[in-house]
Amino acid sequence: MKKFKVEVTTSNTYEVEIDENALNEEWMQEFRETFYSFNSLEEHAQQIAEQRVRKAERTDSFLEGYGKVRVKDYYGFDSKKWDSPVDGITINVIDEEEITETEVKEIL
């Protein structure tokens, strides 16, 4: 039996919309007490995008610390049509899992 190590590199691009009225200073303080010590919306945007990348099931819009967020993609998918996302966070999928490189090596 032959075994192969396959490394697939992908690229993901998102536009993360955050309503600063929903994720205000009071909300961020509560978030810091439970999760991470983020002090800016930029840090939250990064965390939201990184959690999205780690999702195996793309229709699952739940993100730890944020709840169910609105997800919209380039095919017309909008989680708001069938789910009840929290107000204030929308992930617009620009490009997701585009394969940029694949490397295959036989394991001897």
PDB file of N, CA and C in Angstrom:
ATOM      1  N   MET A   1       0.856  -1.176   0.000  1.00  0.00           N
ATOM      2  CA  MET A   1       0.000   0.000   0.000  1.00  0.00           C
ATOM      3  C   MET A   1       0.900   1.236   0.000  1.00  0.00           C
ATOM      4  N   LYS A   2       0.560   2.198  -0.810  1.00  0.00           N
ATOM      5  CA  LYS A   2       1.324   3.444  -0.872  1.00  0.00           C
ATOM      6  C   LYS A   2       0.612   4.520  -0.068  1.00  0.00           C
ATOM      7  N   LYS A   3       1.422   5.374   0.561  1.00  0.00           N
ATOM      8  CA  LYS A   3       0.877   6.492   1.342  1.00  0.00           C
ATOM      9  C   LYS A   3       1.460   7.781   0.792  1.00  0.00           C
ATOM     10  N   PHE A   4       0.640   8.836   0.829  1.00  0.00           N
ATOM     11  CA  PHE A   4       1.063  10.132   0.314  1.00  0.00           C
ATOM     12  C   PHE A   4       0.732  11.231   1.306  1.00  0.00           C
ATOM     13  N   LYS A   5       1.636  12.139   1.434  1.00  0.00           N
ATOM     14  CA  LYS A   5       1.359  13.368   2.179  1.00  0.00           C
ATOM     15  C   LYS A   5       0.961  14.400   1.131  1.00  0.00           C
ATOM     16  N   VAL A   6      -0.257  14.951   1.281  1.00  0.00           N
ATOM     17  CA  VAL A   6      -0.765  15.931   0.315  1.00  0.00           C
ATOM     18  C   VAL A   6      -1.030  17.232   1.058  1.00  0.00           C
ATOM     19  N   GLU A   7      -0.345  18.280   0.643  1.00  0.00           N
ATOM     20  CA  GLU A   7      -0.535  19.602   1.237  1.00  0.00           C
ATOM     21  C   GLU A   7      -1.244  20.496   0.223  1.00  0.00           C
ATOM     22  N   VAL A   8      -2.435  20.948   0.602  1.00  0.00           N
ATOM     23  CA  VAL A   8      -3.230  21.804  -0.269  1.00  0.00           C
ATOM     24  C   VAL A   8      -3.292  23.189   0.367  1.00  0.00           C
ATOM     25  N   THR A   9      -2.831  24.184  -0.352  1.00  0.00           N
ATOM     26  CA  THR A   9      -2.863  25.564   0.121  1.00  0.00           C
ATOM     27  C   THR A   9      -4.042  26.262  -0.535  1.00  0.00           C
ATOM     28  N   THR A  10      -4.847  26.931   0.289  1.00  0.00           N
ATOM     29  CA  THR A  10      -6.014  27.639  -0.248  1.00  0.00           C
ATOM     30  C   THR A  10      -5.952  29.115   0.115  1.00  0.00           C
ATOM     31  N   SER A  11      -6.762  29.872  -0.566  1.00  0.00           N
ATOM     32  CA  SER A  11      -6.876  31.302  -0.306  1.00  0.00           C
ATOM     33  C   SER A  11      -8.341  31.620  -0.030  1.00  0.00           C
ATOM     34  N   ASN A  12      -8.588  32.419   1.013  1.00  0.00           N
ATOM     35  CA  ASN A  12      -9.949  32.813   1.380  1.00  0.00           C
ATOM     36  C   ASN A  12      -9.987  34.328   1.543  1.00  0.00           C
ATOM     37  N   THR A  13     -10.980  34.968   0.960  1.00  0.00           N
ATOM     38  CA  THR A  13     -11.117  36.414   1.078  1.00  0.00           C
ATOM     39  C   THR A  13     -12.538  36.745   1.518  1.00  0.00           C
ATOM     40  N   TYR A  14     -12.622  37.530   2.580  1.00  0.00           N
ATOM     41  CA  TYR A  14     -13.921  37.910   3.136  1.00  0.00           C
ATOM     42  C   TYR A  14     -13.985  39.410   3.334  1.00  0.00           C
ATOM     43  N   GLU A  15     -15.185  39.919   3.262  1.00  0.00           N
ATOM     44  CA  GLU A  15     -15.473  41.288   3.684  1.00  0.00           C
ATOM     45  C   GLU A  15     -16.343  41.137   4.930  1.00  0.00           C
ATOM     46  N   VAL A  16     -15.822  41.583   6.067  1.00  0.00           N
ATOM     47  CA  VAL A  16     -16.530  41.435   7.331  1.00  0.00           C
ATOM     48  C   VAL A  16     -17.134  42.778   7.701  1.00  0.00           C
ATOM     49  N   GLU A  17     -18.456  42.800   7.826  1.00  0.00           N
ATOM     50  CA  GLU A  17     -19.164  44.018   8.223  1.00  0.00           C
ATOM     51  C   GLU A  17     -19.505  43.917   9.703  1.00  0.00           C
ATOM     52  N   ILE A  18     -19.113  44.947  10.461  1.00  0.00           N
ATOM     53  CA  ILE A  18     -19.393  44.983  11.894  1.00  0.00           C
ATOM     54  C   ILE A  18     -20.081  46.296  12.213  1.00  0.00           C
ATOM     55  N   ASP A  19     -21.255  46.204  12.792  1.00  0.00           N
ATOM     56  CA  ASP A  19     -22.007  47.385  13.218  1.00  0.00           C
ATOM     57  C   ASP A  19     -21.471  47.811  14.584  1.00  0.00           C
ATOM     58  N   GLU A  20     -20.802  48.953  14.627  1.00  0.00           N
ATOM     59  CA  GLU A  20     -20.202  49.421  15.877  1.00  0.00           C
ATOM     60  C   GLU A  20     -21.241  49.796  16.927  1.00  0.00           C
ATOM     61  N   ASN A  21     -22.501  49.916  16.530  1.00  0.00           N
ATOM     62  CA  ASN A  21     -23.567  50.145  17.511  1.00  0.00           C
ATOM     63  C   ASN A  21     -23.943  48.848  18.225  1.00  0.00           C
ATOM     64  N   ALA A  22     -23.805  47.722  17.524  1.00  0.00           N
ATOM     65  CA  ALA A  22     -24.094  46.420  18.130  1.00  0.00           C
ATOM     66  C   ALA A  22     -22.891  45.909  18.924  1.00  0.00           C
ATOM     67  N   LEU A  23     -21.710  46.012  18.342  1.00  0.00           N
ATOM     68  CA  LEU A  23     -20.483  45.595  19.023  1.00  0.00           C
ATOM     69  C   LEU A  23     -19.826  46.836  19.616  1.00  0.00           C
ATOM     70  N   ASN A  24     -20.521  47.420  20.559  1.00  0.00           N
ATOM     71  CA  ASN A  24     -20.049  48.656  21.198  1.00  0.00           C
ATOM     72  C   ASN A  24     -19.085  48.327  22.334  1.00  0.00           C
ATOM     73  N   GLU A  25     -18.646  49.340  23.068  1.00  0.00           N
ATOM     74  CA  GLU A  25     -17.665  49.144  24.144  1.00  0.00           C
ATOM     75  C   GLU A  25     -18.192  48.221  25.244  1.00  0.00           C
ATOM     76  N   GLU A  26     -19.458  48.327  25.568  1.00  0.00           N
ATOM     77  CA  GLU A  26     -20.045  47.445  26.582  1.00  0.00           C
ATOM     78  C   GLU A  26     -19.999  45.992  26.133  1.00  0.00           C
ATOM     79  N   TRP A  27     -20.362  45.747  24.869  1.00  0.00           N
ATOM     80  CA  TRP A  27     -20.318  44.394  24.316  1.00  0.00           C
ATOM     81  C   TRP A  27     -18.887  43.875  24.314  1.00  0.00           C
ATOM     82  N   MET A  28     -17.944  44.729  23.904  1.00  0.00           N
ATOM     83  CA  MET A  28     -16.548  44.303  23.835  1.00  0.00           C
ATOM     84  C   MET A  28     -15.994  43.988  25.221  1.00  0.00           C
ATOM     85  N   GLN A  29     -16.415  44.729  26.238  1.00  0.00           N
ATOM     86  CA  GLN A  29     -15.962  44.449  27.602  1.00  0.00           C
ATOM     87  C   GLN A  29     -16.428  43.068  28.045  1.00  0.00           C
ATOM     88  N   GLU A  30     -17.688  42.745  27.776  1.00  0.00           N
ATOM     89  CA  GLU A  30     -18.214  41.420  28.115  1.00  0.00           C
ATOM     90  C   GLU A  30     -17.465  40.327  27.347  1.00  0.00           C
ATOM     91  N   PHE A  31     -17.171  40.592  26.084  1.00  0.00           N
ATOM     92  CA  PHE A  31     -16.415  39.637  25.263  1.00  0.00           C
ATOM     93  C   PHE A  31     -15.027  39.400  25.871  1.00  0.00           C
ATOM     94  N   ARG A  32     -14.354  40.476  26.265  1.00  0.00           N
ATOM     95  CA  ARG A  32     -13.016  40.368  26.862  1.00  0.00           C
ATOM     96  C   ARG A  32     -13.029  39.558  28.151  1.00  0.00           C
ATOM     97  N   GLU A  33     -14.085  39.663  28.916  1.00  0.00           N
ATOM     98  CA  GLU A  33     -14.179  38.941  30.189  1.00  0.00           C
ATOM     99  C   GLU A  33     -14.312  37.435  29.988  1.00  0.00           C
ATOM    100  N   THR A  34     -14.827  37.025  28.831  1.00  0.00           N
ATOM    101  CA  THR A  34     -15.071  35.606  28.581  1.00  0.00           C
ATOM    102  C   THR A  34     -14.120  34.986  27.552  1.00  0.00           C
ATOM    103  N   PHE A  35     -13.731  35.739  26.533  1.00  0.00           N
ATOM    104  CA  PHE A  35     -12.980  35.163  25.420  1.00  0.00           C
ATOM    105  C   PHE A  35     -11.574  35.746  25.294  1.00  0.00           C
ATOM    106  N   TYR A  36     -11.404  36.727  24.438  1.00  0.00           N
ATOM    107  CA  TYR A  36     -10.079  37.285  24.142  1.00  0.00           C
ATOM    108  C   TYR A  36     -10.053  38.762  24.498  1.00  0.00           C
ATOM    109  N   SER A  37      -8.870  39.276  24.738  1.00  0.00           N
ATOM    110  CA  SER A  37      -8.733  40.679  25.136  1.00  0.00           C
ATOM    111  C   SER A  37      -8.614  41.603  23.922  1.00  0.00           C
ATOM    112  N   PHE A  38      -9.571  41.498  23.018  1.00  0.00           N
ATOM    113  CA  PHE A  38      -9.593  42.356  21.832  1.00  0.00           C
ATOM    114  C   PHE A  38     -10.074  43.751  22.214  1.00  0.00           C
ATOM    115  N   ASN A  39      -9.417  44.753  21.656  1.00  0.00           N
ATOM    116  CA  ASN A  39      -9.783  46.139  21.931  1.00  0.00           C
ATOM    117  C   ASN A  39     -10.246  46.902  20.700  1.00  0.00           C
ATOM    118  N   SER A  40     -10.245  46.238  19.552  1.00  0.00           N
ATOM    119  CA  SER A  40     -10.633  46.946  18.331  1.00  0.00           C
ATOM    120  C   SER A  40     -11.543  46.075  17.468  1.00  0.00           C
ATOM    121  N   LEU A  41     -12.312  46.735  16.625  1.00  0.00           N
ATOM    122  CA  LEU A  41     -13.166  46.008  15.683  1.00  0.00           C
ATOM    123  C   LEU A  41     -12.320  45.258  14.660  1.00  0.00           C
ATOM    124  N   GLU A  42     -11.150  45.781  14.361  1.00  0.00           N
ATOM    125  CA  GLU A  42     -10.241  45.103  13.426  1.00  0.00           C
ATOM    126  C   GLU A  42      -9.834  43.733  13.966  1.00  0.00           C
ATOM    127  N   GLU A  43      -9.559  43.650  15.261  1.00  0.00           N
ATOM    128  CA  GLU A  43      -9.219  42.362  15.862  1.00  0.00           C
ATOM    129  C   GLU A  43     -10.398  41.400  15.780  1.00  0.00           C
ATOM    130  N   HIS A  44     -11.599  41.910  15.972  1.00  0.00           N
ATOM    131  CA  HIS A  44     -12.796  41.062  15.853  1.00  0.00           C
ATOM    132  C   HIS A  44     -12.982  40.610  14.408  1.00  0.00           C
ATOM    133  N   ALA A  45     -12.771  41.491  13.450  1.00  0.00           N
ATOM    134  CA  ALA A  45     -12.907  41.121  12.038  1.00  0.00           C
ATOM    135  C   ALA A  45     -11.943  39.986  11.695  1.00  0.00           C
ATOM    136  N   GLN A  46     -10.719  40.081  12.198  1.00  0.00           N
ATOM    137  CA  GLN A  46      -9.739  39.029  11.947  1.00  0.00           C
ATOM    138  C   GLN A  46     -10.189  37.709  12.557  1.00  0.00           C
ATOM    139  N   GLN A  47     -10.648  37.741  13.800  1.00  0.00           N
ATOM    140  CA  GLN A  47     -11.101  36.528  14.489  1.00  0.00           C
ATOM    141  C   GLN A  47     -12.302  35.903  13.777  1.00  0.00           C
ATOM    142  N   ILE A  48     -13.241  36.726  13.352  1.00  0.00           N
ATOM    143  CA  ILE A  48     -14.433  36.249  12.655  1.00  0.00           C
ATOM    144  C   ILE A  48     -14.033  35.547  11.358  1.00  0.00           C
ATOM    145  N   ALA A  49     -13.142  36.161  10.584  1.00  0.00           N
ATOM    146  CA  ALA A  49     -12.695  35.563   9.324  1.00  0.00           C
ATOM    147  C   ALA A  49     -11.924  34.272   9.573  1.00  0.00           C
ATOM    148  N   GLU A  50     -11.068  34.254  10.593  1.00  0.00           N
ATOM    149  CA  GLU A  50     -10.301  33.050  10.889  1.00  0.00           C
ATOM    150  C   GLU A  50     -11.204  31.909  11.340  1.00  0.00           C
ATOM    151  N   GLN A  51     -12.223  32.200  12.117  1.00  0.00           N
ATOM    152  CA  GLN A  51     -13.169  31.151  12.515  1.00  0.00           C
ATOM    153  C   GLN A  51     -13.916  30.617  11.298  1.00  0.00           C
ATOM    154  N   ARG A  52     -14.274  31.491  10.387  1.00  0.00           N
ATOM    155  CA  ARG A  52     -14.973  31.074   9.164  1.00  0.00           C
ATOM    156  C   ARG A  52     -14.105  30.110   8.354  1.00  0.00           C
ATOM    157  N   VAL A  53     -12.823  30.400   8.248  1.00  0.00           N
ATOM    158  CA  VAL A  53     -11.919  29.535   7.487  1.00  0.00           C
ATOM    159  C   VAL A  53     -11.876  28.136   8.088  1.00  0.00           C
ATOM    160  N   ARG A  54     -11.943  28.044   9.403  1.00  0.00           N
ATOM    161  CA  ARG A  54     -11.835  26.750  10.085  1.00  0.00           C
ATOM    162  C   ARG A  54     -13.118  25.917  10.020  1.00  0.00           C
ATOM    163  N   LYS A  55     -14.210  26.484   9.559  1.00  0.00           N
ATOM    164  CA  LYS A  55     -15.487  25.771   9.496  1.00  0.00           C
ATOM    165  C   LYS A  55     -15.444  24.685   8.417  1.00  0.00           C
ATOM    166  N   ALA A  56     -15.723  23.464   8.819  1.00  0.00           N
ATOM    167  CA  ALA A  56     -15.802  22.377   7.840  1.00  0.00           C
ATOM    168  C   ALA A  56     -17.143  22.426   7.115  1.00  0.00           C
ATOM    169  N   GLU A  57     -18.197  22.743   7.855  1.00  0.00           N
ATOM    170  CA  GLU A  57     -19.543  22.820   7.284  1.00  0.00           C
ATOM    171  C   GLU A  57     -19.842  24.279   6.971  1.00  0.00           C
ATOM    172  N   ARG A  58     -19.854  24.635   5.732  1.00  0.00           N
ATOM    173  CA  ARG A  58     -19.998  26.037   5.321  1.00  0.00           C
ATOM    174  C   ARG A  58     -21.382  26.617   5.603  1.00  0.00           C
ATOM    175  N   THR A  59     -22.387  25.776   5.803  1.00  0.00           N
ATOM    176  CA  THR A  59     -23.719  26.318   6.107  1.00  0.00           C
ATOM    177  C   THR A  59     -23.893  26.591   7.600  1.00  0.00           C
ATOM    178  N   ASP A  60     -22.912  26.213   8.414  1.00  0.00           N
ATOM    179  CA  ASP A  60     -22.966  26.472   9.851  1.00  0.00           C
ATOM    180  C   ASP A  60     -22.441  27.888  10.091  1.00  0.00           C
ATOM    181  N   SER A  61     -23.311  28.780  10.541  1.00  0.00           N
ATOM    182  CA  SER A  61     -22.915  30.177  10.704  1.00  0.00           C
ATOM    183  C   SER A  61     -22.560  30.538  12.145  1.00  0.00           C
ATOM    184  N   PHE A  62     -22.512  29.531  13.033  1.00  0.00           N
ATOM    185  CA  PHE A  62     -22.188  29.802  14.438  1.00  0.00           C
ATOM    186  C   PHE A  62     -20.694  30.022  14.602  1.00  0.00           C
ATOM    187  N   LEU A  63     -20.326  31.131  15.266  1.00  0.00           N
ATOM    188  CA  LEU A  63     -18.934  31.421  15.581  1.00  0.00           C
ATOM    189  C   LEU A  63     -18.801  31.618  17.083  1.00  0.00           C
ATOM    190  N   GLU A  64     -17.852  30.944  17.685  1.00  0.00           N
ATOM    191  CA  GLU A  64     -17.628  31.010  19.124  1.00  0.00           C
ATOM    192  C   GLU A  64     -17.401  32.448  19.567  1.00  0.00           C
ATOM    193  N   GLY A  65     -18.206  32.890  20.513  1.00  0.00           N
ATOM    194  CA  GLY A  65     -18.095  34.245  21.042  1.00  0.00           C
ATOM    195  C   GLY A  65     -18.998  35.255  20.354  1.00  0.00           C
ATOM    196  N   TYR A  66     -19.523  34.880  19.186  1.00  0.00           N
ATOM    197  CA  TYR A  66     -20.340  35.801  18.404  1.00  0.00           C
ATOM    198  C   TYR A  66     -21.753  35.283  18.171  1.00  0.00           C
ATOM    199  N   GLY A  67     -21.932  33.983  18.232  1.00  0.00           N
ATOM    200  CA  GLY A  67     -23.232  33.401  17.927  1.00  0.00           C
ATOM    201  C   GLY A  67     -23.364  33.133  16.440  1.00  0.00           C
ATOM    202  N   LYS A  68     -24.603  33.048  15.974  1.00  0.00           N
ATOM    203  CA  LYS A  68     -24.852  32.825  14.548  1.00  0.00           C
ATOM    204  C   LYS A  68     -24.767  34.163  13.829  1.00  0.00           C
ATOM    205  N   VAL A  69     -23.835  34.259  12.905  1.00  0.00           N
ATOM    206  CA  VAL A  69     -23.642  35.498  12.153  1.00  0.00           C
ATOM    207  C   VAL A  69     -24.253  35.340  10.762  1.00  0.00           C
ATOM    208  N   ARG A  70     -24.497  36.444  10.119  1.00  0.00           N
ATOM    209  CA  ARG A  70     -25.040  36.408   8.757  1.00  0.00           C
ATOM    210  C   ARG A  70     -23.896  36.128   7.788  1.00  0.00           C
ATOM    211  N   VAL A  71     -24.119  35.176   6.893  1.00  0.00           N
ATOM    212  CA  VAL A  71     -23.131  34.823   5.875  1.00  0.00           C
ATOM    213  C   VAL A  71     -23.785  34.962   4.509  1.00  0.00           C
ATOM    214  N   LYS A  72     -23.125  35.711   3.641  1.00  0.00           N
ATOM    215  CA  LYS A  72     -23.604  35.877   2.268  1.00  0.00           C
ATOM    216  C   LYS A  72     -22.459  35.492   1.333  1.00  0.00           C
ATOM    217  N   ASP A  73     -22.782  34.805   0.234  1.00  0.00           N
ATOM    218  CA  ASP A  73     -21.719  34.466  -0.700  1.00  0.00           C
ATOM    219  C   ASP A  73     -22.060  34.906  -2.116  1.00  0.00           C
ATOM    220  N   TYR A  74     -21.128  34.661  -3.005  1.00  0.00           N
ATOM    221  CA  TYR A  74     -21.223  35.102  -4.396  1.00  0.00           C
ATOM    222  C   TYR A  74     -22.218  34.285  -5.208  1.00  0.00           C
ATOM    223  N   TYR A  75     -22.749  33.184  -4.657  1.00  0.00           N
ATOM    224  CA  TYR A  75     -23.752  32.381  -5.349  1.00  0.00           C
ATOM    225  C   TYR A  75     -25.176  32.786  -4.986  1.00  0.00           C
ATOM    226  N   GLY A  76     -25.319  33.742  -4.067  1.00  0.00           N
ATOM    227  CA  GLY A  76     -26.637  34.171  -3.644  1.00  0.00           C
ATOM    228  C   GLY A  76     -27.077  33.580  -2.322  1.00  0.00           C
ATOM    229  N   PHE A  77     -26.236  32.725  -1.729  1.00  0.00           N
ATOM    230  CA  PHE A  77     -26.549  32.157  -0.417  1.00  0.00           C
ATOM    231  C   PHE A  77     -26.585  33.271   0.618  1.00  0.00           C
ATOM    232  N   ASP A  78     -27.592  33.263   1.463  1.00  0.00           N
ATOM    233  CA  ASP A  78     -27.712  34.237   2.545  1.00  0.00           C
ATOM    234  C   ASP A  78     -28.323  33.512   3.743  1.00  0.00           C
ATOM    235  N   SER A  79     -27.532  33.343   4.803  1.00  0.00           N
ATOM    236  CA  SER A  79     -28.003  32.579   5.954  1.00  0.00           C
ATOM    237  C   SER A  79     -29.210  33.229   6.625  1.00  0.00           C
ATOM    238  N   LYS A  80     -29.442  34.505   6.370  1.00  0.00           N
ATOM    239  CA  LYS A  80     -30.590  35.183   6.975  1.00  0.00           C
ATOM    240  C   LYS A  80     -31.914  34.640   6.432  1.00  0.00           C
ATOM    241  N   LYS A  81     -31.884  34.020   5.266  1.00  0.00           N
ATOM    242  CA  LYS A  81     -33.097  33.477   4.659  1.00  0.00           C
ATOM    243  C   LYS A  81     -33.633  32.271   5.428  1.00  0.00           C
ATOM    244  N   TRP A  82     -32.776  31.531   6.130  1.00  0.00           N
ATOM    245  CA  TRP A  82     -33.217  30.317   6.813  1.00  0.00           C
ATOM    246  C   TRP A  82     -32.785  30.250   8.274  1.00  0.00           C
ATOM    247  N   ASP A  83     -32.023  31.218   8.725  1.00  0.00           N
ATOM    248  CA  ASP A  83     -31.501  31.201  10.077  1.00  0.00           C
ATOM    249  C   ASP A  83     -31.831  32.516  10.759  1.00  0.00           C
ATOM    250  N   SER A  84     -31.528  32.633  12.020  1.00  0.00           N
ATOM    251  CA  SER A  84     -31.752  33.867  12.767  1.00  0.00           C
ATOM    252  C   SER A  84     -30.423  34.394  13.286  1.00  0.00           C
ATOM    253  N   PRO A  85     -29.633  35.006  12.399  1.00  0.00           N
ATOM    254  CA  PRO A  85     -28.324  35.493  12.845  1.00  0.00           C
ATOM    255  C   PRO A  85     -28.450  36.701  13.770  1.00  0.00           C
ATOM    256  N   VAL A  86     -27.398  36.911  14.576  1.00  0.00           N
ATOM    257  CA  VAL A  86     -27.362  38.084  15.449  1.00  0.00           C
ATOM    258  C   VAL A  86     -27.216  39.329  14.591  1.00  0.00           C
ATOM    259  N   ASP A  87     -27.712  40.436  15.084  1.00  0.00           N
ATOM    260  CA  ASP A  87     -27.548  41.700  14.373  1.00  0.00           C
ATOM    261  C   ASP A  87     -26.131  42.209  14.567  1.00  0.00           C
ATOM    262  N   GLY A  88     -25.583  42.799  13.547  1.00  0.00           N
ATOM    263  CA  GLY A  88     -24.317  43.497  13.696  1.00  0.00           C
ATOM    264  C   GLY A  88     -23.110  42.879  13.029  1.00  0.00           C
ATOM    265  N   ILE A  89     -23.206  41.600  12.599  1.00  0.00           N
ATOM    266  CA  ILE A  89     -22.053  40.961  11.960  1.00  0.00           C
ATOM    267  C   ILE A  89     -22.509  40.265  10.684  1.00  0.00           C
ATOM    268  N   THR A  90     -21.849  40.600   9.576  1.00  0.00           N
ATOM    269  CA  THR A  90     -22.108  39.936   8.304  1.00  0.00           C
ATOM    270  C   THR A  90     -20.773  39.574   7.674  1.00  0.00           C
ATOM    271  N   ILE A  91     -20.666  38.329   7.225  1.00  0.00           N
ATOM    272  CA  ILE A  91     -19.492  37.889   6.474  1.00  0.00           C
ATOM    273  C   ILE A  91     -19.905  37.784   5.018  1.00  0.00           C
ATOM    274  N   ASN A  92     -19.300  38.611   4.185  1.00  0.00           N
ATOM    275  CA  ASN A  92     -19.508  38.525   2.744  1.00  0.00           C
ATOM    276  C   ASN A  92     -18.351  37.714   2.174  1.00  0.00           C
ATOM    277  N   VAL A  93     -18.667  36.566   1.608  1.00  0.00           N
ATOM    278  CA  VAL A  93     -17.631  35.699   1.056  1.00  0.00           C
ATOM    279  C   VAL A  93     -17.263  36.227  -0.328  1.00  0.00           C
ATOM    280  N   ILE A  94     -16.035  36.673  -0.474  1.00  0.00           N
ATOM    281  CA  ILE A  94     -15.536  37.151  -1.764  1.00  0.00           C
ATOM    282  C   ILE A  94     -14.968  35.970  -2.545  1.00  0.00           C
ATOM    283  N   ASP A  95     -14.154  35.183  -1.872  1.00  0.00           N
ATOM    284  CA  ASP A  95     -13.543  34.007  -2.480  1.00  0.00           C
ATOM    285  C   ASP A  95     -13.237  33.031  -1.360  1.00  0.00           C
ATOM    286  N   GLU A  96     -13.599  31.773  -1.545  1.00  0.00           N
ATOM    287  CA  GLU A  96     -13.419  30.818  -0.468  1.00  0.00           C
ATOM    288  C   GLU A  96     -12.820  29.526  -0.995  1.00  0.00           C
ATOM    289  N   GLU A  97     -11.752  29.125  -0.359  1.00  0.00           N
ATOM    290  CA  GLU A  97     -11.078  27.859  -0.620  1.00  0.00           C
ATOM    291  C   GLU A  97     -10.595  27.703  -2.053  1.00  0.00           C
ATOM    292  N   GLU A  98     -10.140  28.787  -2.643  1.00  0.00           N
ATOM    293  CA  GLU A  98      -9.529  28.674  -3.957  1.00  0.00           C
ATOM    294  C   GLU A  98      -8.176  27.998  -3.778  1.00  0.00           C
ATOM    295  N   ILE A  99      -7.965  26.904  -4.457  1.00  0.00           N
ATOM    296  CA  ILE A  99      -6.707  26.175  -4.333  1.00  0.00           C
ATOM    297  C   ILE A  99      -5.618  26.954  -5.062  1.00  0.00           C
ATOM    298  N   THR A 100      -4.568  27.284  -4.332  1.00  0.00           N
ATOM    299  CA  THR A 100      -3.469  28.038  -4.912  1.00  0.00           C
ATOM    300  C   THR A 100      -2.253  27.154  -5.175  1.00  0.00           C
ATOM    301  N   GLU A 101      -2.161  26.023  -4.454  1.00  0.00           N
ATOM    302  CA  GLU A 101      -1.016  25.139  -4.630  1.00  0.00           C
ATOM    303  C   GLU A 101      -1.332  23.780  -4.007  1.00  0.00           C
ATOM    304  N   THR A 102      -0.862  22.730  -4.670  1.00  0.00           N
ATOM    305  CA  THR A 102      -0.986  21.375  -4.141  1.00  0.00           C
ATOM    306  C   THR A 102       0.352  20.672  -4.295  1.00  0.00           C
ATOM    307  N   GLU A 103       0.811  20.071  -3.203  1.00  0.00           N
ATOM    308  CA  GLU A 103       2.086  19.355  -3.222  1.00  0.00           C
ATOM    309  C   GLU A 103       1.852  17.936  -2.732  1.00  0.00           C
ATOM    310  N   VAL A 104       2.313  16.962  -3.507  1.00  0.00           N
ATOM    311  CA  VAL A 104       2.131  15.555  -3.164  1.00  0.00           C
ATOM    312  C   VAL A 104       3.503  14.899  -3.038  1.00  0.00           C
ATOM    313  N   LYS A 105       3.700  14.215  -1.901  1.00  0.00           N
ATOM    314  CA  LYS A 105       4.952  13.471  -1.685  1.00  0.00           C
ATOM    315  C   LYS A 105       4.611  12.074  -1.195  1.00  0.00           C
ATOM    316  N   GLU A 106       5.255  11.105  -1.792  1.00  0.00           N
ATOM    317  CA  GLU A 106       5.060   9.741  -1.338  1.00  0.00           C
ATOM    318  C   GLU A 106       5.794   9.539  -0.024  1.00  0.00           C
ATOM    319  N   ILE A 107       5.113   8.867   0.906  1.00  0.00           N
ATOM    320  CA  ILE A 107       5.719   8.557   2.193  1.00  0.00           C
ATOM    321  C   ILE A 107       6.310   7.177   2.087  1.00  0.00           C
ATOM    322  N   LEU A 108       7.600   7.098   2.297  1.00  0.00           N
ATOM    323  CA  LEU A 108       8.292   5.793   2.130  1.00  0.00           C
ATOM    324  C   LEU A 108       8.368   5.036   3.421  1.00  0.00           C
TER     325      LEU A 108
END
